[in-house]
Full PDB file with SEQRES, HELIX, SHEET, SSBOND, CRYST1, ORIGX, SCALE, CONECT and MASTER records, all heavy atoms in Angstrom:
SEQRES   1 A   36  ALA LYS ARG LEU GLU VAL ASP ALA THR GLU PHE ALA LYS          
SEQRES   2 A   36  ALA VAL ASP ARG VAL ALA THR VAL SER SER GLU ARG SER          
SEQRES   3 A   36  ARG ALA VAL LYS LEU SER MET GLU ASP ASP                      
HELIX    1 AA1 ALA A    8  VAL A   18  1                                  11    
HELIX    2 AA2 ALA A   19  VAL A   21  5                                   3    
CRYST1    1.000    1.000    1.000  90.00  90.00  90.00 P 1           1          
ORIGX1      1.000000  0.000000  0.000000        0.00000                         
ORIGX2      0.000000  1.000000  0.000000        0.00000                         
ORIGX3      0.000000  0.000000  1.000000        0.00000                         
SCALE1      1.000000  0.000000  0.000000        0.00000                         
SCALE2      0.000000  1.000000  0.000000        0.00000                         
SCALE3      0.000000  0.000000  1.000000        0.00000                         
ATOM      1  N   ALA A   1      94.552 116.721 128.254  1.00  0.00           N  
ATOM      2  CA  ALA A   1      93.295 117.258 127.721  1.00  0.00           C  
ATOM      3  C   ALA A   1      93.476 118.462 126.799  1.00  0.00           C  
ATOM      4  O   ALA A   1      92.597 118.785 126.002  1.00  0.00           O  
ATOM      5  CB  ALA A   1      92.374 117.636 128.880  1.00  0.00           C  
ATOM      6  N   LYS A   2      94.605 119.155 126.900  1.00  0.00           N  
ATOM      7  CA  LYS A   2      94.814 120.350 126.066  1.00  0.00           C  
ATOM      8  C   LYS A   2      95.213 119.892 124.667  1.00  0.00           C  
ATOM      9  O   LYS A   2      96.263 119.280 124.485  1.00  0.00           O  
ATOM     10  CB  LYS A   2      95.885 121.247 126.681  1.00  0.00           C  
ATOM     11  CG  LYS A   2      95.539 121.782 128.059  1.00  0.00           C  
ATOM     12  CD  LYS A   2      96.630 122.715 128.574  1.00  0.00           C  
ATOM     13  CE  LYS A   2      96.308 123.264 129.951  1.00  0.00           C  
ATOM     14  NZ  LYS A   2      96.452 122.259 131.009  1.00  0.00           N  
ATOM     15  N   ARG A   3      94.399 120.260 123.678  1.00  0.00           N  
ATOM     16  CA  ARG A   3      94.557 119.698 122.333  1.00  0.00           C  
ATOM     17  C   ARG A   3      94.986 120.758 121.333  1.00  0.00           C  
ATOM     18  O   ARG A   3      94.333 121.795 121.178  1.00  0.00           O  
ATOM     19  CB  ARG A   3      93.236 119.066 121.897  1.00  0.00           C  
ATOM     20  CG  ARG A   3      93.275 118.313 120.572  1.00  0.00           C  
ATOM     21  CD  ARG A   3      91.899 117.705 120.308  1.00  0.00           C  
ATOM     22  NE  ARG A   3      91.917 116.743 119.214  1.00  0.00           N  
ATOM     23  CZ  ARG A   3      91.813 117.048 117.933  1.00  0.00           C  
ATOM     24  NH1 ARG A   3      91.676 118.323 117.578  1.00  0.00           N  
ATOM     25  NH2 ARG A   3      91.823 116.091 117.009  1.00  0.00           N  
ATOM     26  N   LEU A   4      96.095 120.477 120.647  1.00  0.00           N  
ATOM     27  CA  LEU A   4      96.591 121.354 119.590  1.00  0.00           C  
ATOM     28  C   LEU A   4      96.607 120.564 118.290  1.00  0.00           C  
ATOM     29  O   LEU A   4      97.165 119.472 118.222  1.00  0.00           O  
ATOM     30  CB  LEU A   4      98.021 121.822 119.914  1.00  0.00           C  
ATOM     31  CG  LEU A   4      98.805 122.463 118.769  1.00  0.00           C  
ATOM     32  CD1 LEU A   4      98.321 123.882 118.501  1.00  0.00           C  
ATOM     33  CD2 LEU A   4     100.308 122.472 119.053  1.00  0.00           C  
ATOM     34  N   GLU A   5      95.963 121.091 117.249  1.00  0.00           N  
ATOM     35  CA  GLU A   5      96.017 120.444 115.938  1.00  0.00           C  
ATOM     36  C   GLU A   5      96.708 121.397 114.977  1.00  0.00           C  
ATOM     37  O   GLU A   5      96.365 122.572 114.883  1.00  0.00           O  
ATOM     38  CB  GLU A   5      94.610 120.096 115.437  1.00  0.00           C  
ATOM     39  CG  GLU A   5      94.639 119.262 114.169  1.00  0.00           C  
ATOM     40  CD  GLU A   5      93.306 118.546 113.885  1.00  0.00           C  
ATOM     41  OE1 GLU A   5      92.410 118.569 114.750  1.00  0.00           O  
ATOM     42  OE2 GLU A   5      93.189 117.981 112.791  1.00  0.00           O  
ATOM     43  N   VAL A   6      97.710 120.850 114.251  1.00  0.00           N  
ATOM     44  CA  VAL A   6      98.528 121.702 113.400  1.00  0.00           C  
ATOM     45  C   VAL A   6      98.906 120.930 112.142  1.00  0.00           C  
ATOM     46  O   VAL A   6      99.017 119.703 112.153  1.00  0.00           O  
ATOM     47  CB  VAL A   6      99.797 122.164 114.178  1.00  0.00           C  
ATOM     48  CG1 VAL A   6     100.634 120.976 114.649  1.00  0.00           C  
ATOM     49  CG2 VAL A   6     100.662 123.121 113.357  1.00  0.00           C  
ATOM     50  N   ASP A   7      99.097 121.660 111.045  1.00  0.00           N  
ATOM     51  CA  ASP A   7      99.566 121.048 109.806  1.00  0.00           C  
ATOM     52  C   ASP A   7     100.991 120.532 110.060  1.00  0.00           C  
ATOM     53  O   ASP A   7     101.903 121.309 110.373  1.00  0.00           O  
ATOM     54  CB  ASP A   7      99.573 122.097 108.678  1.00  0.00           C  
ATOM     55  CG  ASP A   7     100.031 121.509 107.348  1.00  0.00           C  
ATOM     56  OD1 ASP A   7     101.193 121.071 107.270  1.00  0.00           O  
ATOM     57  OD2 ASP A   7      99.232 121.497 106.391  1.00  0.00           O  
ATOM     58  N   ALA A   8     101.191 119.225 109.929  1.00  0.00           N  
ATOM     59  CA  ALA A   8     102.459 118.597 110.322  1.00  0.00           C  
ATOM     60  C   ALA A   8     103.642 119.133 109.514  1.00  0.00           C  
ATOM     61  O   ALA A   8     104.718 119.391 110.064  1.00  0.00           O  
ATOM     62  CB  ALA A   8     102.361 117.079 110.167  1.00  0.00           C  
ATOM     63  N   THR A   9     103.447 119.332 108.214  1.00  0.00           N  
ATOM     64  CA  THR A   9     104.546 119.794 107.357  1.00  0.00           C  
ATOM     65  C   THR A   9     104.934 121.223 107.700  1.00  0.00           C  
ATOM     66  O   THR A   9     106.122 121.545 107.840  1.00  0.00           O  
ATOM     67  CB  THR A   9     104.138 119.709 105.866  1.00  0.00           C  
ATOM     68  OG1 THR A   9     103.670 118.389 105.594  1.00  0.00           O  
ATOM     69  CG2 THR A   9     105.312 120.014 104.961  1.00  0.00           C  
ATOM     70  N   GLU A  10     103.923 122.092 107.856  1.00  0.00           N  
ATOM     71  CA  GLU A  10     104.199 123.494 108.201  1.00  0.00           C  
ATOM     72  C   GLU A  10     104.873 123.601 109.565  1.00  0.00           C  
ATOM     73  O   GLU A  10     105.784 124.408 109.774  1.00  0.00           O  
ATOM     74  CB  GLU A  10     102.896 124.311 108.193  1.00  0.00           C  
ATOM     75  CG  GLU A  10     102.294 124.531 106.811  1.00  0.00           C  
ATOM     76  CD  GLU A  10     103.282 125.176 105.851  1.00  0.00           C  
ATOM     77  OE1 GLU A  10     103.948 126.158 106.249  1.00  0.00           O  
ATOM     78  OE2 GLU A  10     103.431 124.698 104.716  1.00  0.00           O  
ATOM     79  N   PHE A  11     104.404 122.766 110.498  1.00  0.00           N  
ATOM     80  CA  PHE A  11     104.969 122.758 111.853  1.00  0.00           C  
ATOM     81  C   PHE A  11     106.453 122.372 111.805  1.00  0.00           C  
ATOM     82  O   PHE A  11     107.305 123.035 112.398  1.00  0.00           O  
ATOM     83  CB  PHE A  11     104.183 121.784 112.725  1.00  0.00           C  
ATOM     84  CG  PHE A  11     104.725 121.622 114.120  1.00  0.00           C  
ATOM     85  CD1 PHE A  11     104.542 122.610 115.074  1.00  0.00           C  
ATOM     86  CD2 PHE A  11     105.418 120.473 114.487  1.00  0.00           C  
ATOM     87  CE1 PHE A  11     105.040 122.466 116.368  1.00  0.00           C  
ATOM     88  CE2 PHE A  11     105.922 120.309 115.762  1.00  0.00           C  
ATOM     89  CZ  PHE A  11     105.741 121.315 116.699  1.00  0.00           C  
ATOM     90  N   ALA A  12     106.766 121.298 111.072  1.00  0.00           N  
ATOM     91  CA  ALA A  12     108.157 120.823 110.990  1.00  0.00           C  
ATOM     92  C   ALA A  12     109.061 121.893 110.365  1.00  0.00           C  
ATOM     93  O   ALA A  12     110.176 122.136 110.842  1.00  0.00           O  
ATOM     94  CB  ALA A  12     108.222 119.531 110.184  1.00  0.00           C  
ATOM     95  N   LYS A  13     108.568 122.538 109.306  1.00  0.00           N  
ATOM     96  CA  LYS A  13     109.367 123.578 108.647  1.00  0.00           C  
ATOM     97  C   LYS A  13     109.627 124.755 109.588  1.00  0.00           C  
ATOM     98  O   LYS A  13     110.733 125.320 109.623  1.00  0.00           O  
ATOM     99  CB  LYS A  13     108.655 124.061 107.387  1.00  0.00           C  
ATOM    100  CG  LYS A  13     108.715 123.067 106.231  1.00  0.00           C  
ATOM    101  CD  LYS A  13     107.921 123.595 105.037  1.00  0.00           C  
ATOM    102  CE  LYS A  13     107.961 122.605 103.866  1.00  0.00           C  
ATOM    103  NZ  LYS A  13     107.070 123.041 102.770  1.00  0.00           N  
ATOM    104  N   ALA A  14     108.589 125.136 110.346  1.00  0.00           N  
ATOM    105  CA  ALA A  14     108.728 126.267 111.269  1.00  0.00           C  
ATOM    106  C   ALA A  14     109.702 125.940 112.399  1.00  0.00           C  
ATOM    107  O   ALA A  14     110.541 126.774 112.769  1.00  0.00           O  
ATOM    108  CB  ALA A  14     107.359 126.648 111.836  1.00  0.00           C  
ATOM    109  N   VAL A  15     109.610 124.739 112.938  1.00  0.00           N  
ATOM    110  CA  VAL A  15     110.543 124.313 113.998  1.00  0.00           C  
ATOM    111  C   VAL A  15     111.974 124.352 113.466  1.00  0.00           C  
ATOM    112  O   VAL A  15     112.898 124.845 114.121  1.00  0.00           O  
ATOM    113  CB  VAL A  15     110.198 122.889 114.513  1.00  0.00           C  
ATOM    114  CG1 VAL A  15     111.312 122.364 115.416  1.00  0.00           C  
ATOM    115  CG2 VAL A  15     108.874 122.880 115.259  1.00  0.00           C  
ATOM    116  N   ASP A  16     112.142 123.838 112.260  1.00  0.00           N  
ATOM    117  CA  ASP A  16     113.471 123.788 111.655  1.00  0.00           C  
ATOM    118  C   ASP A  16     114.041 125.198 111.470  1.00  0.00           C  
ATOM    119  O   ASP A  16     115.228 125.446 111.711  1.00  0.00           O  
ATOM    120  CB  ASP A  16     113.377 123.061 110.306  1.00  0.00           C  
ATOM    121  CG  ASP A  16     114.735 122.605 109.807  1.00  0.00           C  
ATOM    122  OD1 ASP A  16     115.642 122.414 110.635  1.00  0.00           O  
ATOM    123  OD2 ASP A  16     114.884 122.424 108.586  1.00  0.00           O  
ATOM    124  N   ARG A  17     113.169 126.129 111.055  1.00  0.00           N  
ATOM    125  CA  ARG A  17     113.643 127.498 110.813  1.00  0.00           C  
ATOM    126  C   ARG A  17     114.084 128.174 112.113  1.00  0.00           C  
ATOM    127  O   ARG A  17     115.174 128.740 112.178  1.00  0.00           O  
ATOM    128  CB  ARG A  17     112.542 128.329 110.129  1.00  0.00           C  
ATOM    129  CG  ARG A  17     112.438 128.068 108.630  1.00  0.00           C  
ATOM    130  CD  ARG A  17     111.565 129.092 107.952  1.00  0.00           C  
ATOM    131  NE  ARG A  17     110.152 128.944 108.279  1.00  0.00           N  
ATOM    132  CZ  ARG A  17     109.274 128.240 107.558  1.00  0.00           C  
ATOM    133  NH1 ARG A  17     109.672 127.605 106.473  1.00  0.00           N  
ATOM    134  NH2 ARG A  17     108.006 128.157 107.918  1.00  0.00           N  
ATOM    135  N   VAL A  18     113.223 128.138 113.135  1.00  0.00           N  
ATOM    136  CA  VAL A  18     113.585 128.855 114.368  1.00  0.00           C  
ATOM    137  C   VAL A  18     114.741 128.176 115.101  1.00  0.00           C  
ATOM    138  O   VAL A  18     115.525 128.828 115.802  1.00  0.00           O  
ATOM    139  CB  VAL A  18     112.375 129.029 115.332  1.00  0.00           C  
ATOM    140  CG1 VAL A  18     111.293 129.873 114.702  1.00  0.00           C  
ATOM    141  CG2 VAL A  18     111.832 127.703 115.818  1.00  0.00           C  
ATOM    142  N   ALA A  19     114.888 126.856 114.913  1.00  0.00           N  
ATOM    143  CA  ALA A  19     115.963 126.126 115.596  1.00  0.00           C  
ATOM    144  C   ALA A  19     117.339 126.458 115.036  1.00  0.00           C  
ATOM    145  O   ALA A  19     118.355 126.101 115.635  1.00  0.00           O  
ATOM    146  CB  ALA A  19     115.721 124.623 115.502  1.00  0.00           C  
ATOM    147  N   THR A  20     117.353 127.166 113.898  1.00  0.00           N  
ATOM    148  CA  THR A  20     118.633 127.539 113.279  1.00  0.00           C  
ATOM    149  C   THR A  20     119.512 128.321 114.255  1.00  0.00           C  
ATOM    150  O   THR A  20     120.734 128.180 114.246  1.00  0.00           O  
ATOM    151  CB  THR A  20     118.396 128.397 112.011  1.00  0.00           C  
ATOM    152  OG1 THR A  20     117.451 127.728 111.178  1.00  0.00           O  
ATOM    153  CG2 THR A  20     119.685 128.600 111.237  1.00  0.00           C  
ATOM    154  N   VAL A  21     118.889 129.138 115.099  1.00  0.00           N  
ATOM    155  CA  VAL A  21     119.682 129.973 116.022  1.00  0.00           C  
ATOM    156  C   VAL A  21     119.822 129.342 117.410  1.00  0.00           C  
ATOM    157  O   VAL A  21     120.435 129.931 118.289  1.00  0.00           O  
ATOM    158  CB  VAL A  21     119.084 131.403 116.168  1.00  0.00           C  
ATOM    159  CG1 VAL A  21     119.091 132.126 114.850  1.00  0.00           C  
ATOM    160  CG2 VAL A  21     117.690 131.356 116.778  1.00  0.00           C  
ATOM    161  N   SER A  22     119.242 128.156 117.613  1.00  0.00           N  
ATOM    162  CA  SER A  22     119.336 127.542 118.945  1.00  0.00           C  
ATOM    163  C   SER A  22     120.746 127.052 119.204  1.00  0.00           C  
ATOM    164  O   SER A  22     121.506 126.772 118.279  1.00  0.00           O  
ATOM    165  CB  SER A  22     118.347 126.377 119.081  1.00  0.00           C  
ATOM    166  OG  SER A  22     118.706 125.332 118.210  1.00  0.00           O  
ATOM    167  N   SER A  23     121.099 126.930 120.484  1.00  0.00           N  
ATOM    168  CA  SER A  23     122.447 126.475 120.819  1.00  0.00           C  
ATOM    169  C   SER A  23     122.567 124.987 120.501  1.00  0.00           C  
ATOM    170  O   SER A  23     121.617 124.231 120.668  1.00  0.00           O  
ATOM    171  CB  SER A  23     122.740 126.721 122.302  1.00  0.00           C  
ATOM    172  OG  SER A  23     122.040 125.800 123.103  1.00  0.00           O  
ATOM    173  N   GLU A  24     123.750 124.574 120.059  1.00  0.00           N  
ATOM    174  CA  GLU A  24     123.978 123.179 119.661  1.00  0.00           C  
ATOM    175  C   GLU A  24     123.710 122.232 120.830  1.00  0.00           C  
ATOM    176  O   GLU A  24     123.294 121.112 120.656  1.00  0.00           O  
ATOM    177  CB  GLU A  24     125.424 123.002 119.172  1.00  0.00           C  
ATOM    178  CG  GLU A  24     125.629 123.426 117.732  1.00  0.00           C  
ATOM    179  CD  GLU A  24     124.759 122.633 116.763  1.00  0.00           C  
ATOM    180  OE1 GLU A  24     124.705 121.400 116.874  1.00  0.00           O  
ATOM    181  OE2 GLU A  24     124.120 123.258 115.907  1.00  0.00           O  
ATOM    182  N   ARG A  25     123.966 122.708 122.057  1.00  0.00           N  
ATOM    183  CA  ARG A  25     123.888 121.821 123.208  1.00  0.00           C  
ATOM    184  C   ARG A  25     122.440 121.516 123.585  1.00  0.00           C  
ATOM    185  O   ARG A  25     122.054 120.380 123.742  1.00  0.00           O  
ATOM    186  CB  ARG A  25     124.626 122.450 124.395  1.00  0.00           C  
ATOM    187  CG  ARG A  25     124.928 121.484 125.513  1.00  0.00           C  
ATOM    188  CD  ARG A  25     125.925 122.117 126.488  1.00  0.00           C  
ATOM    189  NE  ARG A  25     125.445 123.404 126.982  1.00  0.00           N  
ATOM    190  CZ  ARG A  25     124.555 123.545 127.971  1.00  0.00           C  
ATOM    191  NH1 ARG A  25     124.061 122.480 128.554  1.00  0.00           N  
ATOM    192  NH2 ARG A  25     124.175 124.736 128.368  1.00  0.00           N  
ATOM    193  N   SER A  26     121.621 122.564 123.698  1.00  0.00           N  
ATOM    194  CA  SER A  26     120.265 122.329 124.206  1.00  0.00           C  
ATOM    195  C   SER A  26     119.224 122.145 123.099  1.00  0.00           C  
ATOM    196  O   SER A  26     118.273 121.397 123.257  1.00  0.00           O  
ATOM    197  CB  SER A  26     119.824 123.493 125.101  1.00  0.00           C  
ATOM    198  OG  SER A  26     119.572 124.646 124.312  1.00  0.00           O  
ATOM    199  N   ARG A  27     119.418 122.830 121.958  1.00  0.00           N  
ATOM    200  CA  ARG A  27     118.456 122.760 120.844  1.00  0.00           C  
ATOM    201  C   ARG A  27     117.031 123.041 121.324  1.00  0.00           C  
ATOM    202  O   ARG A  27     116.075 122.428 120.858  1.00  0.00           O  
ATOM    203  CB  ARG A  27     118.515 121.389 120.160  1.00  0.00           C  
ATOM    204  CG  ARG A  27     119.847 120.987 119.614  1.00  0.00           C  
ATOM    205  CD  ARG A  27     120.090 121.458 118.206  1.00  0.00           C  
ATOM    206  NE  ARG A  27     119.243 120.779 117.247  1.00  0.00           N  
ATOM    207  CZ  ARG A  27     118.877 121.299 116.090  1.00  0.00           C  
ATOM    208  NH1 ARG A  27     119.256 122.512 115.781  1.00  0.00           N  
ATOM    209  NH2 ARG A  27     118.128 120.636 115.251  1.00  0.00           N  
ATOM    210  N   ALA A  28     116.870 123.942 122.276  1.00  0.00           N  
ATOM    211  CA  ALA A  28     115.560 124.167 122.889  1.00  0.00           C  
ATOM    212  C   ALA A  28     114.686 125.107 122.058  1.00  0.00           C  
ATOM    213  O   ALA A  28     115.136 126.161 121.594  1.00  0.00           O  
ATOM    214  CB  ALA A  28     115.729 124.731 124.287  1.00  0.00           C  
ATOM    215  N   VAL A  29     113.415 124.710 121.887  1.00  0.00           N  
ATOM    216  CA  VAL A  29     112.417 125.540 121.208  1.00  0.00           C  
ATOM    217  C   VAL A  29     111.216 125.674 122.145  1.00  0.00           C  
ATOM    218  O   VAL A  29     110.750 124.687 122.711  1.00  0.00           O  
ATOM    219  CB  VAL A  29     111.960 124.899 119.881  1.00  0.00           C  
ATOM    220  CG1 VAL A  29     110.800 125.671 119.273  1.00  0.00           C  
ATOM    221  CG2 VAL A  29     113.095 124.844 118.880  1.00  0.00           C  
ATOM    222  N   LYS A  30     110.718 126.903 122.292  1.00  0.00           N  
ATOM    223  CA  LYS A  30     109.555 127.118 123.170  1.00  0.00           C  
ATOM    224  C   LYS A  30     108.283 127.223 122.333  1.00  0.00           C  
ATOM    225  O   LYS A  30     108.259 127.920 121.310  1.00  0.00           O  
ATOM    226  CB  LYS A  30     109.738 128.386 124.007  1.00  0.00           C  
ATOM    227  CG  LYS A  30     108.579 128.620 124.993  1.00  0.00           C  
ATOM    228  CD  LYS A  30     108.934 129.625 126.067  1.00  0.00           C  
ATOM    229  CE  LYS A  30     108.781 131.043 125.559  1.00  0.00           C  
ATOM    230  NZ  LYS A  30     108.935 132.043 126.638  1.00  0.00           N  
ATOM    231  N   LEU A  31     107.231 126.521 122.747  1.00  0.00           N  
ATOM    232  CA  LEU A  31     105.918 126.607 122.113  1.00  0.00           C  
ATOM    233  C   LEU A  31     104.994 127.377 123.042  1.00  0.00           C  
ATOM    234  O   LEU A  31     104.830 127.001 124.211  1.00  0.00           O  
ATOM    235  CB  LEU A  31     105.337 125.201 121.882  1.00  0.00           C  
ATOM    236  CG  LEU A  31     105.785 124.412 120.638  1.00  0.00           C  
ATOM    237  CD1 LEU A  31     107.274 124.129 120.691  1.00  0.00           C  
ATOM    238  CD2 LEU A  31     105.015 123.102 120.549  1.00  0.00           C  
ATOM    239  N   SER A  32     104.412 128.467 122.528  1.00  0.00           N  
ATOM    240  CA  SER A  32     103.438 129.253 123.296  1.00  0.00           C  
ATOM    241  C   SER A  32     102.107 129.188 122.562  1.00  0.00           C  
ATOM    242  O   SER A  32     102.005 129.583 121.401  1.00  0.00           O  
ATOM    243  CB  SER A  32     103.885 130.715 123.420  1.00  0.00           C  
ATOM    244  OG  SER A  32     105.185 130.774 123.964  1.00  0.00           O  
ATOM    245  N   MET A  33     101.071 128.653 123.263  1.00  0.00           N  
ATOM    246  CA  MET A  33      99.762 128.441 122.623  1.00  0.00           C  
ATOM    247  C   MET A  33      98.669 129.241 123.309  1.00  0.00           C  
ATOM    248  O   MET A  33      98.605 129.285 124.530  1.00  0.00           O  
ATOM    249  CB  MET A  33      99.397 126.950 122.695  1.00  0.00           C  
ATOM    250  CG  MET A  33     100.223 126.075 121.791  1.00  0.00           C  
ATOM    251  SD  MET A  33     100.327 124.401 122.429  1.00  0.00           S  
ATOM    252  CE  MET A  33     101.705 124.490 123.527  1.00  0.00           C  
ATOM    253  N   GLU A  34      97.808 129.850 122.473  1.00  0.00           N  
ATOM    254  CA  GLU A  34      96.677 130.614 123.004  1.00  0.00           C  
ATOM    255  C   GLU A  34      95.766 130.987 121.847  1.00  0.00           C  
ATOM    256  O   GLU A  34      96.232 131.473 120.814  1.00  0.00           O  
ATOM    257  CB  GLU A  34      97.202 131.884 123.703  1.00  0.00           C  
ATOM    258  CG  GLU A  34      96.134 132.656 124.453  1.00  0.00           C  
ATOM    259  CD  GLU A  34      96.724 133.870 125.170  1.00  0.00           C  
ATOM    260  OE1 GLU A  34      97.833 134.316 124.803  1.00  0.00           O  
ATOM    261  OE2 GLU A  34      96.059 134.377 126.091  1.00  0.00           O  
ATOM    262  N   ASP A  35      94.478 130.736 121.991  1.00  0.00           N  
ATOM    263  CA  ASP A  35      93.454 131.186 121.021  1.00  0.00           C  
ATOM    264  C   ASP A  35      93.831 130.916 119.560  1.00  0.00           C  
ATOM    265  O   ASP A  35      93.979 131.860 118.752  1.00  0.00           O  
ATOM    266  CB  ASP A  35      93.192 132.696 121.176  1.00  0.00           C  
ATOM    267  CG  ASP A  35      92.677 133.035 122.565  1.00  0.00           C  
ATOM    268  OD1 ASP A  35      92.063 132.151 123.184  1.00  0.00           O  
ATOM    269  OD2 ASP A  35      92.932 134.157 123.032  1.00  0.00           O  
ATOM    270  N   ASP A  36      93.963 129.670 119.204  1.00  0.00           N  
ATOM    271  CA  ASP A  36      94.260 129.265 117.828  1.00  0.00           C  
ATOM    272  C   ASP A  36      95.543 129.868 117.262  1.00  0.00           C  
ATOM    273  O   ASP A  36      95.699 130.031 116.054  1.00  0.00           O  
ATOM    274  CB  ASP A  36      93.087 129.598 116.884  1.00  0.00           C  
ATOM    275  CG  ASP A  36      91.880 128.717 117.173  1.00  0.00           C  
ATOM    276  OD1 ASP A  36      92.070 127.649 117.791  1.00  0.00           O  
ATOM    277  OD2 ASP A  36      90.764 129.080 116.780  1.00  0.00           O  
TER     278      ASP A  36                                                      
MASTER        0    0    0    2    0    0    0    6  277    1    0    3          
END                                                                             
């Protein structure tokens, strides 16, 4: 039921940028959502 709507292109670019520093093994990215 929890709905997040996001610009797909901007989202992909942002994920790609922050993932630059993630470890090769886990490639983990955390999403924190609150009030738009």
